[in-house]
Amino acid sequence: MKYILFFLLNCTISFVAAQFKPAGIFEHHQDVGKPKKAGSILYDENTQFYSIKGAGYNIWFGRDEFQYAFKRMKGDFILTANFEFVGTGVDPHRKIGWMVRGSLDEDAAHYSAVLHGDGLTVLQWRLLKGADMRDPEDEIFAPKKNYQILQIERIGKKLIMRAAHPGEPLQQIGTTIMDHMKDEVLAGLFICSHNEDAIEEARVWNVRIDKPVPESYNVYRDGFIGSRLEIMRVADGTRKVIHEDKNGFEAPNFLPGGKHLLFNQCGSLYKISVDGGVPEKLNTGFANRINNDHGISFDGKMIAISHHRDGLPGGGSTIYVLPIEGGTPKMVTEKTPSYWHGWSPNGKEIVYVAQREGSLAYDIYRTAVTGGQEIQLTRNQDTHVDGPEYAPDGKSIYYNGNQSGTMQIWRMKPDGSGKEQLTFDEYNNWFPHVSPDGKWIVFISFPPDIDVNDHPANKRVMLRLMPVSGGAPKVIAYLYGGQGTINVPSWSPDSQFISFVSYAEKFTEQE
């Protein structure tokens, strides 16, 4: 008898799986609660935008009606996306957003980050299956309207809603403890017309689902988690994932011409088209322990790398240069550790950070590509600097330093004089990269609770943009990343795009 049951069970599972309708990163989409008009979802693989349409009387009281694109999730996760309605709509209370749901039943428990047609932004939930949702007991209203970026984070039984207007940091809207929600849930995008005779439409983009690792996780001890290689159009913040790997990689550079990227993985460098495809390993000769500090000269002819040598101070990171097409690296810095960060515009010098003479402090140095005496540009004792990079005109070196007590963006003249702080906020800001046209600086911002001397991986970080001429930074990306995301110059040659790495989840050997 058990064999018959096993056979029937397998048949049932196979049948259900065959009915699944994937859309982008979601394994299935369907109407929930039998709305009068059928919903749909279209995914554009080229732009990675979702167009979602749906009807439904409401998501309220004791039952719901809506269109839902979801995937099954366990454990902790972060859901982030941009949302926008299409057209003026029929009912001002039409709604879109993220939903975490206990099941596909119309009366299932759920936790939803909701944007309404009139701009009202609210956190809403049903604690128990079959319960009536109550006003105001089962909702928290955002202080402002018309948020475009919505986020839900699950940490154990606690769920958190955050939201932001374009250019602003995420702000927490509210939290709820969902004690009765099981570990396995459905998580995804929804739309409800709030009028059973109408169908509404919305666009959703920059859709990311991340599975954070524990705070104690150390990539150098526990291994890198799965990574995404992304390209962003800076003008409007639209992002596209061009490559993913269960084994981590880091630090993309645009190659000359802007049609390919270079990144490091497992000690080597790889080249990949901006359209994706299979990465191609670059010939770097003996250098097989390359870290994430590498980059291309302004004339596009040379690559600088930081390669580790055994038995030397600070892990032996040593700077070498080699032709852009690959070849045998030539040593530039004999002393270690040295971590490359920038070329001079004329290609004759590099700037880098290093520890010297047993000091624990990192300082910025400059030296000729042909070797010779290095010139120390900063002199730190209890403070830290990193990420030095020349402006395209060669008149300034941009870097990050914590001389103010918080890691901020600075610049100085190439001889080390004229040090000037550029950012003044609570975040820890690292790795400034100046656009090739000399107009913009992009950098990564870590939360205030991160050690000012550290830039760890697997954190909730932001990419921010500010004019070289000065002004307040604006957020252009919210992501799970950190170390390896944007350590080195990553602008496209036309100053229209940047590339960076975000982190997705830790995969097991069986996955």
Protein backbone atom coordinates (compact mmCIF):
# COMPACT_ATOMS: atom_id res chain seq x y z
CA MET A 1 0.00 0.00 0.00
CA LYS A 2 2.77 2.46 0.86
CA TYR A 3 4.23 1.98 -2.61
CA ILE A 4 0.92 2.97 -4.19
CA LEU A 5 0.71 6.04 -1.94
CA PHE A 6 4.29 6.93 -2.79
CA PHE A 7 3.51 6.63 -6.51
CA LEU A 8 0.39 8.74 -6.20
CA LEU A 9 2.21 11.35 -4.15
CA ASN A 10 4.93 11.59 -6.78
CA CYS A 11 2.30 11.91 -9.49
CA THR A 12 0.57 14.71 -7.58
CA ILE A 13 3.80 16.63 -7.01
CA SER A 14 4.82 16.27 -10.64
CA PHE A 15 1.40 17.44 -11.80
CA VAL A 16 1.47 20.50 -9.58
CA ALA A 17 5.02 21.37 -10.58
CA ALA A 18 4.05 21.10 -14.25
CA GLN A 19 1.36 23.73 -13.71
CA PHE A 20 3.81 26.28 -12.33
CA LYS A 21 4.17 29.47 -14.38
CA PRO A 22 7.57 31.00 -13.60
CA ALA A 23 8.21 34.72 -14.02
CA GLY A 24 11.73 36.01 -13.61
CA ILE A 25 13.02 35.03 -10.19
CA PHE A 26 9.56 33.85 -9.08
CA GLU A 27 8.62 30.20 -9.43
CA HIS A 28 4.90 30.78 -10.00
CA HIS A 29 2.17 33.37 -10.34
CA GLN A 30 -1.59 33.10 -10.02
CA ASP A 31 -4.75 34.79 -8.79
CA VAL A 32 -5.57 34.27 -5.12
CA GLY A 33 -9.17 34.35 -3.85
CA LYS A 34 -10.88 33.95 -7.25
CA PRO A 35 -11.20 37.59 -8.41
CA LYS A 36 -13.80 38.20 -11.15
CA LYS A 37 -11.14 39.20 -13.67
CA ALA A 38 -7.94 37.25 -14.26
CA GLY A 39 -4.58 38.81 -13.53
CA SER A 40 -1.26 38.23 -15.25
CA ILE A 41 2.43 38.97 -15.09
CA LEU A 42 4.98 39.54 -17.84
CA TYR A 43 8.73 39.49 -17.29
CA ASP A 44 11.06 41.24 -19.74
CA GLU A 45 14.36 39.33 -19.71
CA ASN A 46 16.17 42.19 -21.43
CA THR A 47 15.24 44.95 -18.98
CA GLN A 48 14.43 42.63 -16.02
CA PHE A 49 11.22 44.61 -15.42
CA TYR A 50 7.98 42.98 -14.29
CA SER A 51 4.58 44.11 -15.59
CA ILE A 52 1.91 42.84 -13.21
CA LYS A 53 -1.85 43.14 -13.74
CA GLY A 54 -4.62 42.13 -11.39
CA ALA A 55 -8.11 42.65 -10.09
CA GLY A 56 -9.75 41.82 -6.74
CA TYR A 57 -12.17 43.44 -4.34
CA ASN A 58 -9.50 44.04 -1.64
CA ILE A 59 -6.90 42.50 0.66
CA TRP A 60 -8.73 43.04 3.91
CA PHE A 61 -11.34 41.68 6.34
CA GLY A 62 -11.35 37.87 6.33
CA ARG A 63 -10.40 37.13 2.73
CA ASP A 64 -8.26 38.47 -0.10
CA GLU A 65 -8.34 38.74 -3.89
CA PHE A 66 -5.23 39.64 -5.89
CA GLN A 67 -2.62 38.52 -8.44
CA TYR A 68 0.53 37.06 -6.84
CA ALA A 69 4.01 36.21 -8.18
CA PHE A 70 5.92 34.28 -5.51
CA LYS A 71 8.58 31.82 -4.54
CA ARG A 72 8.74 29.51 -1.55
CA MET A 73 11.20 30.72 1.09
CA LYS A 74 12.60 29.48 4.39
CA GLY A 75 14.58 31.23 7.07
CA ASP A 76 15.61 34.88 7.02
CA PHE A 77 15.41 36.96 3.85
CA ILE A 78 15.27 40.50 2.44
CA LEU A 79 12.87 41.55 -0.34
CA THR A 80 13.58 44.85 -2.12
CA ALA A 81 12.15 46.45 -5.28
CA ASN A 82 10.95 49.64 -6.98
CA PHE A 83 7.19 49.94 -7.63
CA GLU A 84 5.16 52.18 -9.92
CA PHE A 85 1.53 52.14 -11.05
CA VAL A 86 0.71 52.40 -14.75
CA GLY A 87 -2.04 54.89 -15.61
CA THR A 88 -4.42 56.86 -13.39
CA GLY A 89 -6.42 53.84 -12.27
CA VAL A 90 -10.04 53.39 -11.21
CA ASP A 91 -9.87 53.28 -7.41
CA PRO A 92 -7.40 55.35 -5.36
CA HIS A 93 -6.98 52.38 -3.02
CA ARG A 94 -5.58 50.04 -5.68
CA LYS A 95 -2.48 48.50 -4.15
CA ILE A 96 0.85 46.91 -5.05
CA GLY A 97 3.81 45.74 -3.02
CA TRP A 98 5.57 42.83 -1.37
CA MET A 99 3.67 40.11 0.44
CA VAL A 100 4.88 37.29 2.70
CA ARG A 101 2.07 34.76 2.97
CA GLY A 102 1.41 31.54 4.83
CA SER A 103 -0.37 29.86 1.89
CA LEU A 104 -2.42 30.50 -1.24
CA ASP A 105 -5.66 30.27 0.73
CA GLU A 106 -7.78 33.40 0.45
CA ASP A 107 -7.79 33.83 4.24
CA ALA A 108 -4.11 33.01 4.86
CA ALA A 109 -1.94 34.89 7.34
CA HIS A 110 0.19 37.50 5.58
CA TYR A 111 2.54 40.44 6.07
CA SER A 112 2.46 43.09 3.34
CA ALA A 113 4.36 46.25 2.41
CA VAL A 114 1.73 48.19 0.48
CA LEU A 115 1.72 51.20 -1.85
CA HIS A 116 -1.76 52.52 -2.71
CA GLY A 117 -2.82 54.38 -5.82
CA ASP A 118 -3.19 57.65 -3.91
CA GLY A 119 0.35 57.33 -2.53
CA LEU A 120 -0.66 55.98 0.89
CA THR A 121 2.09 53.63 2.05
CA VAL A 122 1.31 51.20 4.83
CA LEU A 123 2.33 47.99 6.55
CA GLN A 124 -0.63 45.59 6.85
CA TRP A 125 -0.94 42.07 8.24
CA ARG A 126 -3.24 39.21 9.17
CA LEU A 127 -1.77 37.42 12.15
CA LEU A 128 -3.77 34.19 11.87
CA LYS A 129 -5.39 32.25 9.07
CA GLY A 130 -9.10 33.06 8.96
CA ALA A 131 -8.84 36.18 11.13
CA ASP A 132 -10.42 39.48 10.15
CA MET A 133 -7.96 42.30 9.47
CA ARG A 134 -8.73 45.30 11.68
CA ASP A 135 -8.27 49.03 11.33
CA PRO A 136 -6.07 50.31 12.93
CA GLU A 137 -4.88 47.27 14.90
CA ASP A 138 -3.44 45.43 11.89
CA GLU A 139 -1.64 48.22 10.06
CA ILE A 140 1.02 50.90 10.48
CA PHE A 141 0.93 54.01 8.28
CA ALA A 142 4.12 55.48 6.85
CA PRO A 143 4.76 59.14 7.76
CA LYS A 144 4.93 60.19 4.10
CA LYS A 145 3.30 59.21 0.80
CA ASN A 146 4.40 57.94 -2.61
CA TYR A 147 7.33 55.78 -1.56
CA GLN A 148 8.79 54.00 -4.57
CA ILE A 149 11.18 51.55 -2.92
CA LEU A 150 9.61 48.96 -0.61
CA GLN A 151 11.44 46.37 1.46
CA ILE A 152 10.48 43.52 3.77
CA GLU A 153 13.04 41.77 5.94
CA ARG A 154 12.33 38.60 7.90
CA ILE A 155 14.46 37.82 10.96
CA GLY A 156 13.11 34.74 12.69
CA LYS A 157 9.50 35.51 13.59
CA LYS A 158 9.99 39.26 13.23
CA LEU A 159 9.14 41.01 9.97
CA ILE A 160 10.27 44.55 9.20
CA MET A 161 8.97 46.95 6.57
CA ARG A 162 11.20 49.69 5.21
CA ALA A 163 10.53 52.21 2.44
CA ALA A 164 12.26 55.05 0.64
CA HIS A 165 11.72 57.75 -1.92
CA PRO A 166 14.26 57.72 -4.76
CA GLY A 167 17.62 59.03 -3.60
CA GLU A 168 16.84 58.66 0.11
CA PRO A 169 17.97 56.02 2.63
CA LEU A 170 15.44 53.37 3.62
CA GLN A 171 13.45 54.23 6.72
CA GLN A 172 11.76 51.71 8.98
CA ILE A 173 7.96 51.88 8.77
CA GLY A 174 7.15 49.17 11.31
CA THR A 175 7.69 45.66 12.61
CA THR A 176 5.40 42.79 13.52
CA ILE A 177 5.98 39.47 15.26
CA MET A 178 4.30 36.70 13.26
CA ASP A 179 4.44 33.91 15.85
CA HIS A 180 2.08 31.56 14.02
CA MET A 181 3.68 31.82 10.57
CA LYS A 182 5.63 28.68 9.67
CA ASP A 183 9.25 28.70 8.56
CA GLU A 184 8.34 27.95 4.95
CA VAL A 185 6.32 30.81 3.45
CA LEU A 186 5.49 32.34 0.10
CA ALA A 187 7.18 35.64 -0.71
CA GLY A 188 6.57 37.83 -3.72
CA LEU A 189 4.88 40.67 -5.61
CA PHE A 190 1.15 41.38 -5.57
CA ILE A 191 -1.40 43.72 -7.12
CA CYS A 192 -5.04 44.30 -6.17
CA SER A 193 -7.40 46.69 -8.00
CA HIS A 194 -9.68 47.31 -4.96
CA ASN A 195 -12.52 47.17 -7.46
CA GLU A 196 -13.71 43.75 -8.56
CA ASP A 197 -14.68 45.00 -12.02
CA ALA A 198 -11.33 46.69 -12.78
CA ILE A 199 -7.86 45.47 -13.70
CA GLU A 200 -4.91 47.57 -12.59
CA GLU A 201 -1.31 47.45 -13.81
CA ALA A 202 2.06 48.22 -12.25
CA ARG A 203 5.74 48.06 -13.14
CA VAL A 204 8.27 46.58 -10.74
CA TRP A 205 12.04 46.66 -11.19
CA ASN A 206 15.33 46.24 -9.33
CA VAL A 207 13.69 43.17 -7.79
CA ARG A 208 16.05 41.40 -5.40
CA ILE A 209 15.59 38.58 -2.91
CA ASP A 210 18.55 38.11 -0.57
CA LYS A 211 19.16 35.55 2.16
CA PRO A 212 21.49 37.09 4.73
CA VAL A 213 23.98 35.02 6.66
CA PRO A 214 24.43 35.28 10.46
CA GLU A 215 26.31 38.28 11.84
CA SER A 216 29.09 35.92 12.98
CA TYR A 217 29.66 34.70 9.39
CA ASN A 218 33.18 35.34 8.08
CA VAL A 219 33.79 34.95 4.35
CA TYR A 220 37.48 34.17 4.84
CA ARG A 221 36.63 31.39 7.29
CA ASP A 222 33.22 30.23 6.04
CA GLY A 223 33.50 30.97 2.31
CA PHE A 224 31.92 33.48 -0.04
CA ILE A 225 28.20 33.28 -0.62
CA GLY A 226 26.51 33.35 -4.03
CA SER A 227 27.18 36.55 -5.98
CA ARG A 228 25.49 38.62 -8.68
CA LEU A 229 27.32 40.78 -11.19
CA GLU A 230 25.18 43.86 -11.83
CA ILE A 231 25.24 46.84 -14.18
CA MET A 232 23.37 50.04 -13.33
CA ARG A 233 22.38 52.95 -15.52
CA VAL A 234 23.33 55.75 -13.15
CA ALA A 235 20.89 58.36 -14.51
CA ASP A 236 17.78 56.43 -13.48
CA GLY A 237 19.11 53.73 -11.13
CA THR A 238 17.88 50.77 -13.18
CA ARG A 239 19.91 47.64 -12.53
CA LYS A 240 20.47 44.45 -14.48
CA VAL A 241 22.01 41.17 -13.31
CA ILE A 242 24.30 39.83 -16.05
CA HIS A 243 25.99 36.96 -14.22
CA GLU A 244 25.42 34.85 -11.10
CA ASP A 245 27.57 32.21 -9.44
CA LYS A 246 27.14 30.08 -6.32
CA ASN A 247 30.84 30.70 -5.67
CA GLY A 248 31.60 34.30 -4.79
CA PHE A 249 33.41 36.80 -7.00
CA GLU A 250 34.30 40.46 -6.52
CA ALA A 251 35.23 43.90 -7.77
CA PRO A 252 34.30 44.44 -11.44
CA ASN A 253 36.14 46.85 -13.75
CA PHE A 254 34.84 47.96 -17.14
CA LEU A 255 37.31 47.07 -19.87
CA PRO A 256 38.16 49.57 -22.65
CA GLY A 257 35.26 50.03 -25.04
CA GLY A 258 32.69 49.32 -22.32
CA LYS A 259 31.60 45.97 -23.80
CA HIS A 260 33.25 43.68 -21.24
CA LEU A 261 33.94 43.51 -17.52
CA LEU A 262 36.83 42.14 -15.50
CA PHE A 263 36.38 40.60 -12.03
CA ASN A 264 38.31 38.41 -9.62
CA GLN A 265 37.27 34.95 -8.45
CA CYS A 266 39.21 32.24 -6.61
CA GLY A 267 42.52 34.06 -7.08
CA SER A 268 42.18 34.65 -10.83
CA LEU A 269 40.79 37.34 -13.15
CA TYR A 270 37.88 36.69 -15.50
CA LYS A 271 36.47 38.60 -18.47
CA ILE A 272 32.76 38.63 -19.31
CA SER A 273 30.51 40.44 -21.80
CA VAL A 274 28.20 43.11 -20.43
CA ASP A 275 25.42 40.98 -21.94
CA GLY A 276 26.44 38.02 -19.78
CA GLY A 277 27.60 34.61 -20.94
CA VAL A 278 30.43 32.36 -19.81
CA PRO A 279 33.36 34.13 -18.13
CA GLU A 280 36.76 33.73 -19.77
CA LYS A 281 39.84 33.36 -17.59
CA LEU A 282 42.57 35.94 -18.22
CA ASN A 283 46.18 34.80 -18.44
CA THR A 284 47.95 36.27 -15.41
CA GLY A 285 50.96 33.96 -15.46
CA PHE A 286 52.11 32.87 -12.02
CA ALA A 287 49.66 35.22 -10.25
CA ASN A 288 46.97 32.89 -8.93
CA ARG A 289 46.21 34.57 -5.59
CA ILE A 290 44.84 37.87 -6.86
CA ASN A 291 42.62 39.80 -4.47
CA ASN A 292 39.92 42.39 -5.19
CA ASP A 293 42.30 45.34 -5.69
CA HIS A 294 42.87 45.47 -9.45
CA GLY A 295 42.19 47.97 -12.22
CA ILE A 296 42.90 49.25 -15.70
CA SER A 297 45.09 52.19 -16.74
CA PHE A 298 43.44 55.30 -18.20
CA ASP A 299 44.80 54.51 -21.67
CA GLY A 300 43.38 50.98 -21.46
CA LYS A 301 46.70 49.27 -22.10
CA MET A 302 47.65 47.86 -18.67
CA ILE A 303 46.12 46.10 -15.68
CA ALA A 304 47.34 46.50 -12.11
CA ILE A 305 46.79 43.57 -9.74
CA SER A 306 47.41 42.80 -6.07
CA HIS A 307 48.75 39.26 -5.72
CA HIS A 308 49.69 37.50 -2.47
CA ARG A 309 53.16 36.05 -1.92
CA ASP A 310 53.79 33.49 0.80
CA GLY A 311 55.70 34.16 4.00
CA LEU A 312 55.70 37.95 3.82
CA PRO A 313 54.25 40.62 6.14
CA GLY A 314 50.51 41.29 6.05
CA GLY A 315 49.71 38.31 3.86
CA GLY A 316 52.20 39.34 1.20
CA SER A 317 49.90 41.40 -1.04
CA THR A 318 52.13 42.76 -3.80
CA ILE A 319 51.30 45.04 -6.72
CA TYR A 320 52.13 43.95 -10.27
CA VAL A 321 51.23 45.23 -13.73
CA LEU A 322 50.58 43.28 -16.92
CA PRO A 323 49.26 43.96 -20.44
CA ILE A 324 45.51 44.34 -20.86
CA GLU A 325 45.38 41.20 -23.02
CA GLY A 326 47.12 39.20 -20.26
CA GLY A 327 50.66 37.98 -19.78
CA THR A 328 53.41 37.72 -17.19
CA PRO A 329 53.00 40.24 -14.35
CA LYS A 330 55.83 42.64 -13.54
CA MET A 331 56.41 43.54 -9.88
CA VAL A 332 55.96 47.16 -8.82
CA THR A 333 56.06 47.04 -4.99
CA GLU A 334 58.61 44.84 -3.27
CA LYS A 335 57.40 45.72 0.24
CA THR A 336 54.23 44.14 1.62
CA PRO A 337 51.39 44.41 2.21
CA SER A 338 50.51 46.74 -0.70
CA TYR A 339 47.00 47.03 -2.14
CA TRP A 340 46.54 48.80 -5.49
CA HIS A 341 43.72 51.32 -5.92
CA GLY A 342 44.47 53.83 -8.66
CA TRP A 343 46.44 54.72 -11.78
CA SER A 344 47.69 58.21 -12.56
CA PRO A 345 46.10 59.56 -15.78
CA ASN A 346 49.47 59.48 -17.58
CA GLY A 347 49.93 55.81 -16.67
CA LYS A 348 53.32 56.40 -15.07
CA GLU A 349 52.35 56.06 -11.40
CA ILE A 350 50.01 54.15 -9.13
CA VAL A 351 48.52 54.94 -5.72
CA TYR A 352 47.89 52.30 -3.10
CA VAL A 353 47.45 51.62 0.60
CA ALA A 354 50.08 49.82 2.61
CA GLN A 355 51.39 48.96 6.04
CA ARG A 356 55.09 49.59 6.62
CA GLU A 357 57.75 48.97 9.24
CA GLY A 358 55.50 46.84 11.46
CA SER A 359 52.88 49.56 11.88
CA LEU A 360 49.24 48.50 12.11
CA ALA A 361 48.16 51.74 10.44
CA TYR A 362 47.37 51.87 6.73
CA ASP A 363 48.72 54.82 4.76
CA ILE A 364 48.46 55.99 1.16
CA TYR A 365 51.56 55.76 -1.03
CA ARG A 366 52.50 56.71 -4.57
CA THR A 367 55.18 55.14 -6.73
CA ALA A 368 56.31 54.85 -10.34
CA VAL A 369 55.06 51.86 -12.33
CA THR A 370 58.69 51.13 -13.17
CA GLY A 371 59.41 50.80 -9.45
CA GLY A 372 61.69 52.80 -7.23
CA GLN A 373 61.18 54.79 -4.07
CA GLU A 374 57.61 55.02 -2.80
CA ILE A 375 56.27 58.37 -1.60
CA GLN A 376 54.13 58.38 1.55
CA LEU A 377 51.12 60.73 1.21
CA THR A 378 49.43 60.22 4.61
CA ARG A 379 50.84 59.61 8.07
CA ASN A 380 48.38 57.86 10.34
CA GLN A 381 48.76 56.43 13.81
CA ASP A 382 45.32 55.78 15.26
CA THR A 383 43.28 56.39 12.11
CA HIS A 384 42.70 54.56 8.83
CA VAL A 385 42.62 55.41 5.11
CA ASP A 386 41.83 53.36 2.03
CA GLY A 387 40.74 53.43 -1.62
CA PRO A 388 42.99 56.16 -3.12
CA GLU A 389 42.10 56.98 -6.72
CA TYR A 390 43.17 59.75 -9.09
CA ALA A 391 40.65 62.13 -10.64
CA PRO A 392 40.74 61.93 -14.45
CA ASP A 393 42.44 65.35 -14.66
CA GLY A 394 45.19 64.18 -12.29
CA LYS A 395 44.74 67.17 -9.97
CA SER A 396 43.32 65.28 -6.98
CA ILE A 397 43.41 61.91 -5.25
CA TYR A 398 40.13 60.79 -3.71
CA TYR A 399 40.10 58.36 -0.77
CA ASN A 400 38.22 57.39 2.37
CA GLY A 401 39.48 58.15 5.87
CA ASN A 402 38.19 58.13 9.44
CA GLN A 403 40.09 61.18 10.71
CA SER A 404 36.75 62.78 11.68
CA GLY A 405 35.75 59.75 13.79
CA THR A 406 33.54 58.27 11.06
CA MET A 407 34.75 56.86 7.75
CA GLN A 408 34.14 59.64 5.21
CA ILE A 409 35.18 60.59 1.68
CA TRP A 410 38.20 62.90 1.32
CA ARG A 411 40.46 64.28 -1.38
CA MET A 412 43.96 65.68 -1.48
CA LYS A 413 46.51 66.91 -3.98
CA PRO A 414 48.85 64.32 -5.54
CA ASP A 415 51.66 65.42 -3.22
CA GLY A 416 49.50 64.71 -0.13
CA SER A 417 48.71 68.33 0.70
CA GLY A 418 45.34 70.07 0.82
CA LYS A 419 43.36 67.29 2.49
CA GLU A 420 39.62 68.08 2.33
CA GLN A 421 36.66 66.17 3.78
CA LEU A 422 33.75 65.81 1.32
CA THR A 423 31.03 63.82 3.12
CA PHE A 424 29.58 64.56 6.55
CA ASP A 425 27.01 62.06 7.76
CA GLU A 426 26.47 59.11 10.08
CA TYR A 427 27.35 56.42 7.53
CA ASN A 428 30.76 54.84 7.04
CA ASN A 429 31.64 55.76 3.45
CA TRP A 430 34.26 53.81 1.48
CA PHE A 431 35.88 53.56 -1.94
CA PRO A 432 35.14 56.77 -3.89
CA HIS A 433 35.22 56.34 -7.68
CA VAL A 434 35.23 59.39 -9.94
CA SER A 435 33.44 59.11 -13.29
CA PRO A 436 35.62 59.33 -16.42
CA ASP A 437 34.01 62.68 -17.32
CA GLY A 438 35.10 64.01 -13.92
CA LYS A 439 31.58 65.01 -12.82
CA TRP A 440 30.46 62.38 -10.31
CA ILE A 441 31.67 60.31 -7.38
CA VAL A 442 30.09 56.96 -6.52
CA PHE A 443 30.90 55.22 -3.22
CA ILE A 444 29.59 52.56 -0.87
CA SER A 445 28.02 53.43 2.49
CA PHE A 446 27.98 51.03 5.43
CA PRO A 447 25.57 51.37 8.37
CA PRO A 448 26.65 53.45 11.37
CA ASP A 449 26.98 50.37 13.59
CA ILE A 450 29.81 48.91 11.49
CA ASP A 451 33.32 49.42 12.88
CA VAL A 452 34.73 52.53 11.18
CA ASN A 453 37.91 50.62 10.30
CA ASP A 454 36.07 47.73 8.68
CA HIS A 455 34.27 47.14 5.39
CA PRO A 456 32.91 43.60 5.81
CA ALA A 457 30.98 41.55 3.28
CA ASN A 458 27.33 40.53 3.64
CA LYS A 459 25.90 43.75 5.06
CA ARG A 460 22.92 45.96 4.23
CA VAL A 461 24.68 48.72 2.33
CA MET A 462 23.95 51.54 -0.11
CA LEU A 463 25.66 52.89 -3.20
CA ARG A 464 25.54 56.68 -3.24
CA LEU A 465 26.30 59.35 -5.80
CA MET A 466 27.44 62.95 -5.37
CA PRO A 467 28.78 65.69 -7.67
CA VAL A 468 32.53 66.24 -7.72
CA SER A 469 31.72 69.93 -7.35
CA GLY A 470 30.01 69.21 -4.01
CA GLY A 471 26.51 68.58 -2.73
CA ALA A 472 24.51 66.07 -0.75
CA PRO A 473 24.93 62.42 -1.75
CA LYS A 474 21.87 60.55 -3.01
CA VAL A 475 21.23 56.81 -2.78
CA ILE A 476 21.27 54.99 -6.11
CA ALA A 477 21.15 51.36 -4.88
CA TYR A 478 20.08 49.39 -1.81
CA LEU A 479 21.78 46.01 -1.62
CA TYR A 480 23.22 43.17 0.41
CA GLY A 481 26.93 43.50 -0.16
CA GLY A 482 30.03 45.20 1.23
CA GLN A 483 33.57 43.92 0.81
CA GLY A 484 34.06 43.16 -2.87
CA THR A 485 30.99 45.08 -4.05
CA ILE A 486 32.74 48.12 -5.50
CA ASN A 487 36.30 48.21 -4.12
CA VAL A 488 37.86 49.43 -7.36
CA PRO A 489 37.06 51.76 -10.31
CA SER A 490 33.87 50.47 -11.90
CA TRP A 491 32.53 53.24 -14.18
CA SER A 492 31.90 52.57 -17.86
CA PRO A 493 34.12 54.64 -20.19
CA ASP A 494 31.14 56.83 -21.19
CA SER A 495 30.26 57.61 -17.53
CA GLN A 496 26.74 56.24 -18.04
CA PHE A 497 26.99 52.97 -16.09
CA ILE A 498 28.63 51.42 -13.08
CA SER A 499 29.13 47.75 -12.30
CA PHE A 500 29.14 46.14 -8.88
CA VAL A 501 28.62 42.87 -7.01
CA SER A 502 25.71 42.08 -4.71
CA TYR A 503 25.34 38.94 -2.61
CA ALA A 504 22.40 36.56 -2.78
CA GLU A 505 22.61 33.55 -0.47
CA LYS A 506 24.80 30.78 0.87
CA PHE A 507 24.47 27.62 -1.21
CA THR A 508 25.09 24.10 0.01
CA GLU A 509 27.07 21.56 -2.01
CA GLN A 510 23.81 19.85 -3.00
CA GLU A 511 22.28 23.00 -4.52
